[in-house]
PDB file of N, CA and C in Angstrom:
ATOM      1  N   MET A   1      76.427  83.030 103.802  1.00  0.00           N
ATOM      2  CA  MET A   1      76.973  84.060 102.953  1.00  0.00           C
ATOM      3  C   MET A   1      78.502  83.966 102.993  1.00  0.00           C
ATOM      4  N   THR A   2      79.105  84.065 101.825  1.00  0.00           N
ATOM      5  CA  THR A   2      80.564  83.994 101.741  1.00  0.00           C
ATOM      6  C   THR A   2      81.186  85.329 102.168  1.00  0.00           C
ATOM      7  N   LYS A   3      82.484  85.290 102.463  1.00  0.00           N
ATOM      8  CA  LYS A   3      83.188  86.518 102.834  1.00  0.00           C
ATOM      9  C   LYS A   3      83.161  87.523 101.686  1.00  0.00           C
ATOM     10  N   THR A   4      83.382  87.033 100.490  1.00  0.00           N
ATOM     11  CA  THR A   4      83.391  87.906  99.318  1.00  0.00           C
ATOM     12  C   THR A   4      82.040  88.580  99.131  1.00  0.00           C
ATOM     13  N   ARG A   5      80.979  87.827  99.276  1.00  0.00           N
ATOM     14  CA  ARG A   5      79.620  88.359  99.130  1.00  0.00           C
ATOM     15  C   ARG A   5      79.331  89.403 100.219  1.00  0.00           C
ATOM     16  N   ALA A   6      79.779  89.132 101.441  1.00  0.00           N
ATOM     17  CA  ALA A   6      79.564  90.063 102.547  1.00  0.00           C
ATOM     18  C   ALA A   6      80.317  91.372 102.314  1.00  0.00           C
ATOM     19  N   ILE A   7      81.546  91.281 101.822  1.00  0.00           N
ATOM     20  CA  ILE A   7      82.332  92.488 101.546  1.00  0.00           C
ATOM     21  C   ILE A   7      81.686  93.277 100.411  1.00  0.00           C
ATOM     22  N   LYS A   8      81.252  92.579  99.367  1.00  0.00           N
ATOM     23  CA  LYS A   8      80.602  93.247  98.245  1.00  0.00           C
ATOM     24  C   LYS A   8      79.346  93.978  98.720  1.00  0.00           C
ATOM     25  N   GLN A   9      78.557  93.322  99.535  1.00  0.00           N
ATOM     26  CA  GLN A   9      77.329  93.917 100.038  1.00  0.00           C
ATOM     27  C   GLN A   9      77.639  95.138 100.914  1.00  0.00           C
ATOM     28  N   PHE A  10      78.667  95.029 101.771  1.00  0.00           N
ATOM     29  CA  PHE A  10      79.062  96.148 102.617  1.00  0.00           C
ATOM     30  C   PHE A  10      79.505  97.340 101.776  1.00  0.00           C
ATOM     31  N   CYS A  11      80.351  97.077 100.778  1.00  0.00           N
ATOM     32  CA  CYS A  11      80.877  98.152  99.934  1.00  0.00           C
ATOM     33  C   CYS A  11      79.768  98.828  99.128  1.00  0.00           C
ATOM     34  N   LEU A  12      78.843  98.058  98.613  1.00  0.00           N
ATOM     35  CA  LEU A  12      77.721  98.648  97.881  1.00  0.00           C
ATOM     36  C   LEU A  12      76.884  99.534  98.791  1.00  0.00           C
ATOM     37  N   GLU A  13      76.629  99.068 100.005  1.00  0.00           N
ATOM     38  CA  GLU A  13      75.862  99.872 100.947  1.00  0.00           C
ATOM     39  C   GLU A  13      76.612 101.159 101.303  1.00  0.00           C
ATOM     40  N   CYS A  14      77.907 101.046 101.520  1.00  0.00           N
ATOM     41  CA  CYS A  14      78.738 102.205 101.863  1.00  0.00           C
ATOM     42  C   CYS A  14      78.749 103.236 100.737  1.00  0.00           C
ATOM     43  N   SER A  15      78.710 102.771  99.503  1.00  0.00           N
ATOM     44  CA  SER A  15      78.799 103.665  98.347  1.00  0.00           C
ATOM     45  C   SER A  15      77.443 104.145  97.849  1.00  0.00           C
ATOM     46  N   GLY A  16      76.381 103.827  98.562  1.00  0.00           N
ATOM     47  CA  GLY A  16      75.060 104.241  98.106  1.00  0.00           C
ATOM     48  C   GLY A  16      74.558 103.404  96.955  1.00  0.00           C
ATOM     49  N   ASP A  17      74.896 102.119  96.952  1.00  0.00           N
ATOM     50  CA  ASP A  17      74.494 101.164  95.913  1.00  0.00           C
ATOM     51  C   ASP A  17      74.999 101.542  94.523  1.00  0.00           C
ATOM     52  N   SER A  18      76.197 102.112  94.466  1.00  0.00           N
ATOM     53  CA  SER A  18      76.791 102.500  93.192  1.00  0.00           C
ATOM     54  C   SER A  18      78.018 101.627  92.903  1.00  0.00           C
ATOM     55  N   PRO A  19      77.898 100.675  91.961  1.00  0.00           N
ATOM     56  CA  PRO A  19      79.058  99.850  91.609  1.00  0.00           C
ATOM     57  C   PRO A  19      80.248 100.679  91.115  1.00  0.00           C
ATOM     58  N   LEU A  20      79.977 101.799  90.438  1.00  0.00           N
ATOM     59  CA  LEU A  20      81.058 102.665  89.973  1.00  0.00           C
ATOM     60  C   LEU A  20      81.841 103.230  91.155  1.00  0.00           C
ATOM     61  N   THR A  21      81.130 103.672  92.183  1.00  0.00           N
ATOM     62  CA  THR A  21      81.790 104.227  93.353  1.00  0.00           C
ATOM     63  C   THR A  21      82.577 103.157  94.092  1.00  0.00           C
ATOM     64  N   VAL A  22      82.101 101.919  94.078  1.00  0.00           N
ATOM     65  CA  VAL A  22      82.863 100.820  94.682  1.00  0.00           C
ATOM     66  C   VAL A  22      84.140 100.589  93.888  1.00  0.00           C
ATOM     67  N   THR A  23      84.033 100.553  92.574  1.00  0.00           N
ATOM     68  CA  THR A  23      85.197 100.322  91.730  1.00  0.00           C
ATOM     69  C   THR A  23      86.239 101.410  91.912  1.00  0.00           C
ATOM     70  N   LEU A  24      85.798 102.656  91.958  1.00  0.00           N
ATOM     71  CA  LEU A  24      86.717 103.785  92.069  1.00  0.00           C
ATOM     72  C   LEU A  24      86.722 104.369  93.483  1.00  0.00           C
ATOM     73  N   CYS A  25      86.535 103.510  94.462  1.00  0.00           N
ATOM     74  CA  CYS A  25      86.537 103.924  95.864  1.00  0.00           C
ATOM     75  C   CYS A  25      87.913 104.457  96.243  1.00  0.00           C
ATOM     76  N   CYS A  26      87.924 105.627  96.854  1.00  0.00           N
ATOM     77  CA  CYS A  26      89.210 106.204  97.258  1.00  0.00           C
ATOM     78  C   CYS A  26      89.376 106.217  98.775  1.00  0.00           C
ATOM     79  N   SER A  27      88.665 105.346  99.462  1.00  0.00           N
ATOM     80  CA  SER A  27      88.848 105.181 100.910  1.00  0.00           C
ATOM     81  C   SER A  27      89.967 104.169 101.128  1.00  0.00           C
ATOM     82  N   PHE A  28      91.173 104.565 100.756  1.00  0.00           N
ATOM     83  CA  PHE A  28      92.306 103.654 100.760  1.00  0.00           C
ATOM     84  C   PHE A  28      92.647 103.120 102.148  1.00  0.00           C
ATOM     85  N   ASP A  29      92.245 103.829 103.193  1.00  0.00           N
ATOM     86  CA  ASP A  29      92.531 103.370 104.542  1.00  0.00           C
ATOM     87  C   ASP A  29      91.498 102.376 105.076  1.00  0.00           C
ATOM     88  N   CYS A  30      90.461 102.092 104.314  1.00  0.00           N
ATOM     89  CA  CYS A  30      89.446 101.109 104.715  1.00  0.00           C
ATOM     90  C   CYS A  30      90.075  99.718 104.708  1.00  0.00           C
ATOM     91  N   PRO A  31      89.875  98.935 105.763  1.00  0.00           N
ATOM     92  CA  PRO A  31      90.479  97.603 105.791  1.00  0.00           C
ATOM     93  C   PRO A  31      89.935  96.656 104.717  1.00  0.00           C
ATOM     94  N   LEU A  32      88.791  96.985 104.134  1.00  0.00           N
ATOM     95  CA  LEU A  32      88.204  96.128 103.093  1.00  0.00           C
ATOM     96  C   LEU A  32      88.524  96.611 101.677  1.00  0.00           C
ATOM     97  N   TRP A  33      89.248  97.730 101.550  1.00  0.00           N
ATOM     98  CA  TRP A  33      89.474  98.329 100.241  1.00  0.00           C
ATOM     99  C   TRP A  33      90.093  97.351  99.243  1.00  0.00           C
ATOM    100  N   ALA A  34      91.080  96.611  99.655  1.00  0.00           N
ATOM    101  CA  ALA A  34      91.772  95.689  98.734  1.00  0.00           C
ATOM    102  C   ALA A  34      90.853  94.582  98.227  1.00  0.00           C
ATOM    103  N   TRP A  35      89.785  94.289  98.950  1.00  0.00           N
ATOM    104  CA  TRP A  35      88.881  93.205  98.569  1.00  0.00           C
ATOM    105  C   TRP A  35      87.554  93.705  98.029  1.00  0.00           C
ATOM    106  N   ARG A  36      87.424  95.000  97.776  1.00  0.00           N
ATOM    107  CA  ARG A  36      86.137  95.579  97.383  1.00  0.00           C
ATOM    108  C   ARG A  36      85.590  95.018  96.083  1.00  0.00           C
ATOM    109  N   LEU A  37      86.473  94.571  95.181  1.00  0.00           N
ATOM    110  CA  LEU A  37      86.009  94.019  93.908  1.00  0.00           C
ATOM    111  C   LEU A  37      85.905  92.500  93.930  1.00  0.00           C
ATOM    112  N   GLY A  38      86.333  91.898  95.001  1.00  0.00           N
ATOM    113  CA  GLY A  38      86.264  90.439  95.106  1.00  0.00           C
ATOM    114  C   GLY A  38      87.405  89.726  94.401  1.00  0.00           C
ATOM    115  N   VAL A  39      88.368  90.486  93.888  1.00  0.00           N
ATOM    116  CA  VAL A  39      89.525  89.906  93.209  1.00  0.00           C
ATOM    117  C   VAL A  39      90.770  90.700  93.574  1.00  0.00           C
ATOM    118  N   SER A  40      91.924  90.100  93.389  1.00  0.00           N
ATOM    119  CA  SER A  40      93.191  90.765  93.654  1.00  0.00           C
ATOM    120  C   SER A  40      93.463  91.848  92.609  1.00  0.00           C
ATOM    121  N   MET A  41      94.174  92.879  93.024  1.00  0.00           N
ATOM    122  CA  MET A  41      94.533  93.947  92.093  1.00  0.00           C
ATOM    123  C   MET A  41      95.448  93.443  90.982  1.00  0.00           C
ATOM    124  N   LYS A  42      96.066  92.300  91.164  1.00  0.00           N
ATOM    125  CA  LYS A  42      96.999  91.747  90.184  1.00  0.00           C
ATOM    126  C   LYS A  42      96.308  90.924  89.103  1.00  0.00           C
ATOM    127  N   THR A  43      95.015  90.691  89.238  1.00  0.00           N
ATOM    128  CA  THR A  43      94.312  89.845  88.285  1.00  0.00           C
ATOM    129  C   THR A  43      93.805  90.626  87.082  1.00  0.00           C
ATOM    130  N   LYS A  44      93.520  89.888  86.041  1.00  0.00           N
ATOM    131  CA  LYS A  44      92.980  90.489  84.832  1.00  0.00           C
ATOM    132  C   LYS A  44      91.572  91.038  85.087  1.00  0.00           C
ATOM    133  N   ALA A  45      90.794  90.359  85.917  1.00  0.00           N
ATOM    134  CA  ALA A  45      89.434  90.806  86.214  1.00  0.00           C
ATOM    135  C   ALA A  45      89.439  92.206  86.823  1.00  0.00           C
ATOM    136  N   TYR A  46      90.408  92.477  87.703  1.00  0.00           N
ATOM    137  CA  TYR A  46      90.527  93.803  88.310  1.00  0.00           C
ATOM    138  C   TYR A  46      90.818  94.844  87.224  1.00  0.00           C
ATOM    139  N   SER A  47      91.789  94.543  86.371  1.00  0.00           N
ATOM    140  CA  SER A  47      92.156  95.470  85.292  1.00  0.00           C
ATOM    141  C   SER A  47      90.989  95.723  84.349  1.00  0.00           C
ATOM    142  N   VAL A  48      90.256  94.678  84.013  1.00  0.00           N
ATOM    143  CA  VAL A  48      89.126  94.825  83.102  1.00  0.00           C
ATOM    144  C   VAL A  48      88.065  95.736  83.700  1.00  0.00           C
ATOM    145  N   ARG A  49      87.762  95.537  84.972  1.00  0.00           N
ATOM    146  CA  ARG A  49      86.732  96.356  85.621  1.00  0.00           C
ATOM    147  C   ARG A  49      87.165  97.820  85.696  1.00  0.00           C
ATOM    148  N   LEU A  50      88.425  98.065  86.056  1.00  0.00           N
ATOM    149  CA  LEU A  50      88.916  99.444  86.109  1.00  0.00           C
ATOM    150  C   LEU A  50      88.936 100.082  84.724  1.00  0.00           C
ATOM    151  N   ASP A  51      89.407  99.348  83.743  1.00  0.00           N
ATOM    152  CA  ASP A  51      89.450  99.880  82.380  1.00  0.00           C
ATOM    153  C   ASP A  51      88.053 100.256  81.893  1.00  0.00           C
ATOM    154  N   ARG A  52      87.076  99.424  82.203  1.00  0.00           N
ATOM    155  CA  ARG A  52      85.693  99.699  81.800  1.00  0.00           C
ATOM    156  C   ARG A  52      85.189 100.963  82.495  1.00  0.00           C
ATOM    157  N   ALA A  53      85.484 101.108  83.783  1.00  0.00           N
ATOM    158  CA  ALA A  53      85.058 102.308  84.520  1.00  0.00           C
ATOM    159  C   ALA A  53      85.721 103.556  83.948  1.00  0.00           C
ATOM    160  N   ILE A  54      86.992 103.453  83.602  1.00  0.00           N
ATOM    161  CA  ILE A  54      87.728 104.583  83.032  1.00  0.00           C
ATOM    162  C   ILE A  54      87.152 104.970  81.679  1.00  0.00           C
ATOM    163  N   LYS A  55      86.902 103.976  80.857  1.00  0.00           N
ATOM    164  CA  LYS A  55      86.395 104.227  79.507  1.00  0.00           C
ATOM    165  C   LYS A  55      85.008 104.863  79.539  1.00  0.00           C
ATOM    166  N   ASN A  56      84.144 104.354  80.418  1.00  0.00           N
ATOM    167  CA  ASN A  56      82.761 104.809  80.455  1.00  0.00           C
ATOM    168  C   ASN A  56      82.530 106.049  81.311  1.00  0.00           C
ATOM    169  N   HIS A  57      83.455 106.360  82.234  1.00  0.00           N
ATOM    170  CA  HIS A  57      83.253 107.473  83.167  1.00  0.00           C
ATOM    171  C   HIS A  57      84.532 108.273  83.405  1.00  0.00           C
ATOM    172  N   PRO A  58      85.159 108.804  82.359  1.00  0.00           N
ATOM    173  CA  PRO A  58      86.407 109.552  82.571  1.00  0.00           C
ATOM    174  C   PRO A  58      86.199 110.813  83.409  1.00  0.00           C
ATOM    175  N   GLU A  59      84.991 111.374  83.365  1.00  0.00           N
ATOM    176  CA  GLU A  59      84.720 112.584  84.138  1.00  0.00           C
ATOM    177  C   GLU A  59      84.792 112.318  85.643  1.00  0.00           C
ATOM    178  N   TYR A  60      84.444 111.116  86.053  1.00  0.00           N
ATOM    179  CA  TYR A  60      84.504 110.754  87.476  1.00  0.00           C
ATOM    180  C   TYR A  60      85.953 110.779  87.949  1.00  0.00           C
ATOM    181  N   LEU A  61      86.855 110.216  87.161  1.00  0.00           N
ATOM    182  CA  LEU A  61      88.277 110.234  87.511  1.00  0.00           C
ATOM    183  C   LEU A  61      88.835 111.644  87.511  1.00  0.00           C
ATOM    184  N   GLU A  62      88.408 112.462  86.582  1.00  0.00           N
ATOM    185  CA  GLU A  62      88.868 113.846  86.551  1.00  0.00           C
ATOM    186  C   GLU A  62      88.453 114.566  87.828  1.00  0.00           C
ATOM    187  N   ASP A  63      87.212 114.333  88.265  1.00  0.00           N
ATOM    188  CA  ASP A  63      86.742 114.948  89.504  1.00  0.00           C
ATOM    189  C   ASP A  63      87.558 114.462  90.697  1.00  0.00           C
ATOM    190  N   LEU A  64      87.862 113.176  90.728  1.00  0.00           N
ATOM    191  CA  LEU A  64      88.674 112.649  91.825  1.00  0.00           C
ATOM    192  C   LEU A  64      90.053 113.289  91.839  1.00  0.00           C
ATOM    193  N   SER A  65      90.663 113.430  90.673  1.00  0.00           N
ATOM    194  CA  SER A  65      92.000 114.030  90.636  1.00  0.00           C
ATOM    195  C   SER A  65      91.943 115.510  91.000  1.00  0.00           C
ATOM    196  N   GLN A  66      90.845 116.187  90.674  1.00  0.00           N
ATOM    197  CA  GLN A  66      90.701 117.601  91.016  1.00  0.00           C
ATOM    198  C   GLN A  66      90.588 117.810  92.528  1.00  0.00           C
ATOM    199  N   ILE A  67      90.028 116.848  93.243  1.00  0.00           N
ATOM    200  CA  ILE A  67      89.905 117.006  94.697  1.00  0.00           C
ATOM    201  C   ILE A  67      91.121 116.450  95.426  1.00  0.00           C
ATOM    202  N   GLY A  68      92.122 116.011  94.666  1.00  0.00           N
ATOM    203  CA  GLY A  68      93.387 115.599  95.264  1.00  0.00           C
ATOM    204  C   GLY A  68      93.562 114.118  95.510  1.00  0.00           C
ATOM    205  N   VAL A  69      92.714 113.278  94.949  1.00  0.00           N
ATOM    206  CA  VAL A  69      92.863 111.835  95.108  1.00  0.00           C
ATOM    207  C   VAL A  69      93.988 111.355  94.203  1.00  0.00           C
ATOM    208  N   ASP A  70      94.896 110.588  94.759  1.00  0.00           N
ATOM    209  CA  ASP A  70      96.008 110.033  93.993  1.00  0.00           C
ATOM    210  C   ASP A  70      95.501 108.818  93.228  1.00  0.00           C
ATOM    211  N   ILE A  71      95.112 109.024  91.978  1.00  0.00           N
ATOM    212  CA  ILE A  71      94.521 107.932  91.205  1.00  0.00           C
ATOM    213  C   ILE A  71      95.529 106.862  90.824  1.00  0.00           C
ATOM    214  N   ASP A  72      96.815 107.149  91.012  1.00  0.00           N
ATOM    215  CA  ASP A  72      97.835 106.136  90.756  1.00  0.00           C
ATOM    216  C   ASP A  72      97.703 104.964  91.729  1.00  0.00           C
ATOM    217  N   ARG A  73      97.014 105.165  92.834  1.00  0.00           N
ATOM    218  CA  ARG A  73      96.855 104.093  93.810  1.00  0.00           C
ATOM    219  C   ARG A  73      95.973 102.965  93.277  1.00  0.00           C
ATOM    220  N   PHE A  74      95.143 103.264  92.270  1.00  0.00           N
ATOM    221  CA  PHE A  74      94.337 102.211  91.663  1.00  0.00           C
ATOM    222  C   PHE A  74      95.214 101.328  90.792  1.00  0.00           C
ATOM    223  N   SER A  75      95.967 101.944  89.892  1.00  0.00           N
ATOM    224  CA  SER A  75      96.921 101.229  89.042  1.00  0.00           C
ATOM    225  C   SER A  75      97.643 102.222  88.159  1.00  0.00           C
ATOM    226  N   LEU A  76      98.824 101.848  87.689  1.00  0.00           N
ATOM    227  CA  LEU A  76      99.576 102.727  86.792  1.00  0.00           C
ATOM    228  C   LEU A  76      98.878 102.866  85.452  1.00  0.00           C
ATOM    229  N   LYS A  77      98.251 101.793  85.011  1.00  0.00           N
ATOM    230  CA  LYS A  77      97.559 101.817  83.728  1.00  0.00           C
ATOM    231  C   LYS A  77      96.415 102.825  83.765  1.00  0.00           C
ATOM    232  N   GLN A  78      95.725 102.907  84.903  1.00  0.00           N
ATOM    233  CA  GLN A  78      94.624 103.846  85.028  1.00  0.00           C
ATOM    234  C   GLN A  78      95.121 105.282  84.911  1.00  0.00           C
ATOM    235  N   SER A  79      96.249 105.569  85.517  1.00  0.00           N
ATOM    236  CA  SER A  79      96.814 106.911  85.445  1.00  0.00           C
ATOM    237  C   SER A  79      97.100 107.278  83.997  1.00  0.00           C
ATOM    238  N   PHE A  80      97.653 106.347  83.234  1.00  0.00           N
ATOM    239  CA  PHE A  80      97.926 106.587  81.826  1.00  0.00           C
ATOM    240  C   PHE A  80      96.632 106.852  81.064  1.00  0.00           C
ATOM    241  N   SER A  81      95.590 106.066  81.350  1.00  0.00           N
ATOM    242  CA  SER A  81      94.322 106.225  80.637  1.00  0.00           C
ATOM    243  C   SER A  81      93.711 107.591  80.888  1.00  0.00           C
ATOM    244  N   LEU A  82      93.815 108.104  82.107  1.00  0.00           N
ATOM    245  CA  LEU A  82      93.274 109.423  82.406  1.00  0.00           C
ATOM    246  C   LEU A  82      94.035 110.500  81.642  1.00  0.00           C
ATOM    247  N   ARG A  83      95.370 110.417  81.627  1.00  0.00           N
ATOM    248  CA  ARG A  83      96.155 111.392  80.875  1.00  0.00           C
ATOM    249  C   ARG A  83      95.797 111.331  79.392  1.00  0.00           C
ATOM    250  N   ARG A  84      95.641 110.140  78.868  1.00  0.00           N
ATOM    251  CA  ARG A  84      95.305 109.952  77.458  1.00  0.00           C
ATOM    252  C   ARG A  84      93.931 110.560  77.155  1.00  0.00           C
ATOM    253  N   THR A  85      92.974 110.384  78.060  1.00  0.00           N
ATOM    254  CA  THR A  85      91.639 110.946  77.880  1.00  0.00           C
ATOM    255  C   THR A  85      91.724 112.465  77.808  1.00  0.00           C
ATOM    256  N   LYS A  86      92.533 113.065  78.673  1.00  0.00           N
ATOM    257  CA  LYS A  86      92.687 114.518  78.650  1.00  0.00           C
ATOM    258  C   LYS A  86      93.336 114.972  77.347  1.00  0.00           C
ATOM    259  N   GLU A  87      94.308 114.204  76.848  1.00  0.00           N
ATOM    260  CA  GLU A  87      94.974 114.553  75.595  1.00  0.00           C
ATOM    261  C   GLU A  87      94.002 114.516  74.425  1.00  0.00           C
ATOM    262  N   LEU A  88      93.026 113.616  74.496  1.00  0.00           N
ATOM    263  CA  LEU A  88      92.082 113.463  73.389  1.00  0.00           C
ATOM    264  C   LEU A  88      90.996 114.535  73.414  1.00  0.00           C
ATOM    265  N   GLY A  89      91.002 115.371  74.449  1.00  0.00           N
ATOM    266  CA  GLY A  89      90.086 116.513  74.448  1.00  0.00           C
ATOM    267  C   GLY A  89      88.760 116.292  75.137  1.00  0.00           C
ATOM    268  N   THR A  90      88.747 115.664  76.282  1.00  0.00           N
ATOM    269  CA  THR A  90      87.511 115.524  77.035  1.00  0.00           C
ATOM    270  C   THR A  90      87.046 116.910  77.449  1.00  0.00           C
ATOM    271  N   THR A  91      85.750 117.133  77.461  1.00  0.00           N
ATOM    272  CA  THR A  91      85.225 118.455  77.776  1.00  0.00           C
ATOM    273  C   THR A  91      85.360 118.789  79.250  1.00  0.00           C
ATOM    274  N   GLY A  92      85.412 117.800  80.109  1.00  0.00           N
ATOM    275  CA  GLY A  92      85.529 118.062  81.535  1.00  0.00           C
ATOM    276  C   GLY A  92      84.190 118.342  82.195  1.00  0.00           C
ATOM    277  N   GLN A  93      83.106 118.293  81.427  1.00  0.00           N
ATOM    278  CA  GLN A  93      81.803 118.523  82.017  1.00  0.00           C
ATOM    279  C   GLN A  93      81.393 117.310  82.833  1.00  0.00           C
ATOM    280  N   THR A  94      80.765 117.580  83.968  1.00  0.00           N
ATOM    281  CA  THR A  94      80.331 116.486  84.820  1.00  0.00           C
ATOM    282  C   THR A  94      78.821 116.427  84.841  1.00  0.00           C
ATOM    283  N   THR A  95      78.318 115.278  85.145  1.00  0.00           N
ATOM    284  CA  THR A  95      76.877 115.091  85.228  1.00  0.00           C
ATOM    285  C   THR A  95      76.533 114.536  86.596  1.00  0.00           C
ATOM    286  N   GLY A  96      76.690 115.358  87.610  1.00  0.00           N
ATOM    287  CA  GLY A  96      76.345 114.946  88.960  1.00  0.00           C
ATOM    288  C   GLY A  96      77.400 114.113  89.656  1.00  0.00           C
ATOM    289  N   VAL A  97      78.569 113.984  89.074  1.00  0.00           N
ATOM    290  CA  VAL A  97      79.610 113.158  89.677  1.00  0.00           C
ATOM    291  C   VAL A  97      80.074 113.760  90.992  1.00  0.00           C
ATOM    292  N   GLN A  98      80.265 115.077  91.010  1.00  0.00           N
ATOM    293  CA  GLN A  98      80.707 115.714  92.245  1.00  0.00           C
ATOM    294  C   GLN A  98      79.651 115.572  93.332  1.00  0.00           C
ATOM    295  N   GLU A  99      78.388 115.694  92.974  1.00  0.00           N
ATOM    296  CA  GLU A  99      77.320 115.535  93.958  1.00  0.00           C
ATOM    297  C   GLU A  99      77.320 114.109  94.508  1.00  0.00           C
ATOM    298  N   GLU A 100      77.498 113.114  93.639  1.00  0.00           N
ATOM    299  CA  GLU A 100      77.558 111.732  94.087  1.00  0.00           C
ATOM    300  C   GLU A 100      78.750 111.521  95.016  1.00  0.00           C
ATOM    301  N   ALA A 101      79.884 112.151  94.703  1.00  0.00           N
ATOM    302  CA  ALA A 101      81.064 112.036  95.541  1.00  0.00           C
ATOM    303  C   ALA A 101      80.811 112.663  96.908  1.00  0.00           C
ATOM    304  N   ARG A 102      80.109 113.769  96.944  1.00  0.00           N
ATOM    305  CA  ARG A 102      79.785 114.397  98.234  1.00  0.00           C
ATOM    306  C   ARG A 102      78.904 113.477  99.068  1.00  0.00           C
ATOM    307  N   LYS A 103      77.932 112.862  98.440  1.00  0.00           N
ATOM    308  CA  LYS A 103      77.027 111.956  99.168  1.00  0.00           C
ATOM    309  C   LYS A 103      77.764 110.766  99.741  1.00  0.00           C
ATOM    310  N   THR A 104      78.762 110.281  99.027  1.00  0.00           N
ATOM    311  CA  THR A 104      79.481 109.090  99.475  1.00  0.00           C
ATOM    312  C   THR A 104      80.710 109.412 100.321  1.00  0.00           C
ATOM    313  N   GLY A 105      80.909 110.694 100.607  1.00  0.00           N
ATOM    314  CA  GLY A 105      81.994 111.087 101.494  1.00  0.00           C
ATOM    315  C   GLY A 105      83.337 111.272 100.827  1.00  0.00           C
ATOM    316  N   LEU A 106      83.369 111.409  99.500  1.00  0.00           N
ATOM    317  CA  LEU A 106      84.636 111.601  98.811  1.00  0.00           C
ATOM    318  C   LEU A 106      85.117 113.033  98.921  1.00  0.00           C
ATOM    319  N   TYR A 107      84.227 113.973  99.201  1.00  0.00           N
ATOM    320  CA  TYR A 107      84.605 115.386  99.357  1.00  0.00           C
ATOM    321  C   TYR A 107      84.809 115.677 100.812  1.00  0.00           C
TER     322      TYR A 107
END
């Protein structure tokens, strides 16, 4: 097993087998956090994955920001996307996102 595969497997297990929670993991003090996606934060692949998570799950980011997570730590572009989503009139309704965050230790 490669190092990347082992880290991916560890992160999925830690997040309750949720790729979304791995992508938007806010355990910034975890020694594996920088490698959780298997790519550098400076690569296009990282940006694409974050952009997709933001586009498909803006309510998850809103919940993270409501509990005090500094979402700027993911990327500056992500912070802009969240503000833009709020400007466009997202309802703010969640569908179990807070419960999932509690299960994974985000609360």
